């Protein structure tokens, strides 16, 4: 099973990440791990969320498409 961000979601993620000032950003380790991308299929649509280790969350779900 593959889950991808579409072009619009990718733009929103890049903008959010560039404006998100997190103390973990510089010290996320050699393999990263600061961000968790979560894709949850439901009967209505796909829930797409990105969680930062500091607790901030970005919801990229396309609810208008449901």
Protein backbone atom coordinates (compact mmCIF):
# COMPACT_ATOMS: atom_id res chain seq x y z
CA UNK A 1 0.00 0.00 0.00
CA UNK A 2 1.39 3.42 -0.96
CA UNK A 3 0.40 6.79 0.44
CA UNK A 4 1.61 10.01 -1.18
CA UNK A 5 1.16 13.74 -0.75
CA UNK A 6 -0.33 15.45 -3.79
CA UNK A 7 1.18 18.68 -5.14
CA UNK A 8 -1.05 20.96 -3.04
CA UNK A 9 -0.42 18.99 0.16
CA UNK A 10 3.33 19.05 -0.52
CA UNK A 11 3.25 22.85 -0.92
CA UNK A 12 1.36 23.22 2.38
CA UNK A 13 3.83 20.90 4.14
CA UNK A 14 6.89 22.79 2.83
CA UNK A 15 5.38 26.13 3.87
CA UNK A 16 4.45 24.82 7.32
CA UNK A 17 7.88 23.26 7.88
CA UNK A 18 9.71 26.44 6.84
CA UNK A 19 7.62 28.55 9.26
CA UNK A 20 7.59 26.00 12.10
CA UNK A 21 10.25 26.99 14.59
CA UNK A 22 10.94 23.94 16.69
CA UNK A 23 13.76 23.29 19.13
CA UNK A 24 14.03 19.76 17.71
CA UNK A 25 14.60 20.94 14.13
CA UNK A 26 18.38 21.16 14.42
CA UNK A 27 18.81 18.11 16.64
CA UNK A 28 16.62 15.46 15.05
CA UNK A 29 19.42 12.91 14.81
CA UNK A 30 21.22 11.26 11.95
CA UNK A 31 18.11 9.54 10.60
CA UNK A 32 15.58 12.24 11.41
CA UNK A 33 12.58 11.12 13.38
CA UNK A 34 11.30 14.59 14.25
CA UNK A 35 8.28 14.27 11.95
CA UNK A 36 5.69 11.51 11.77
CA UNK A 37 3.58 11.28 8.62
CA UNK A 38 0.30 9.52 9.35
CA UNK A 39 -2.14 8.29 6.69
CA UNK A 40 -5.43 6.87 7.97
CA UNK A 41 -7.88 5.49 5.43
CA UNK A 42 -11.56 5.84 6.42
CA UNK A 43 -14.81 5.03 4.66
CA UNK A 44 -15.16 8.74 3.78
CA UNK A 45 -11.61 9.58 2.71
CA UNK A 46 -7.97 9.67 3.72
CA UNK A 47 -6.86 11.49 6.88
CA UNK A 48 -3.36 12.90 6.38
CA UNK A 49 -1.52 14.40 9.34
CA UNK A 50 2.07 15.37 10.08
CA UNK A 51 3.13 15.44 13.73
CA UNK A 52 6.29 17.11 14.97
CA UNK A 53 8.14 15.75 17.99
CA UNK A 54 7.42 19.03 19.79
CA UNK A 55 3.68 18.34 19.63
CA UNK A 56 2.62 20.60 16.77
CA UNK A 57 0.43 19.00 14.11
CA UNK A 58 -0.44 19.79 10.49
CA UNK A 59 -3.66 18.32 9.07
CA UNK A 60 -3.43 17.90 5.29
CA UNK A 61 -6.69 15.95 4.90
CA UNK A 62 -8.77 17.08 1.94
CA UNK A 63 -12.15 17.15 3.70
CA UNK A 64 -13.78 19.12 0.87
CA UNK A 65 -13.20 16.10 -1.40
CA UNK A 66 -15.13 13.74 0.89
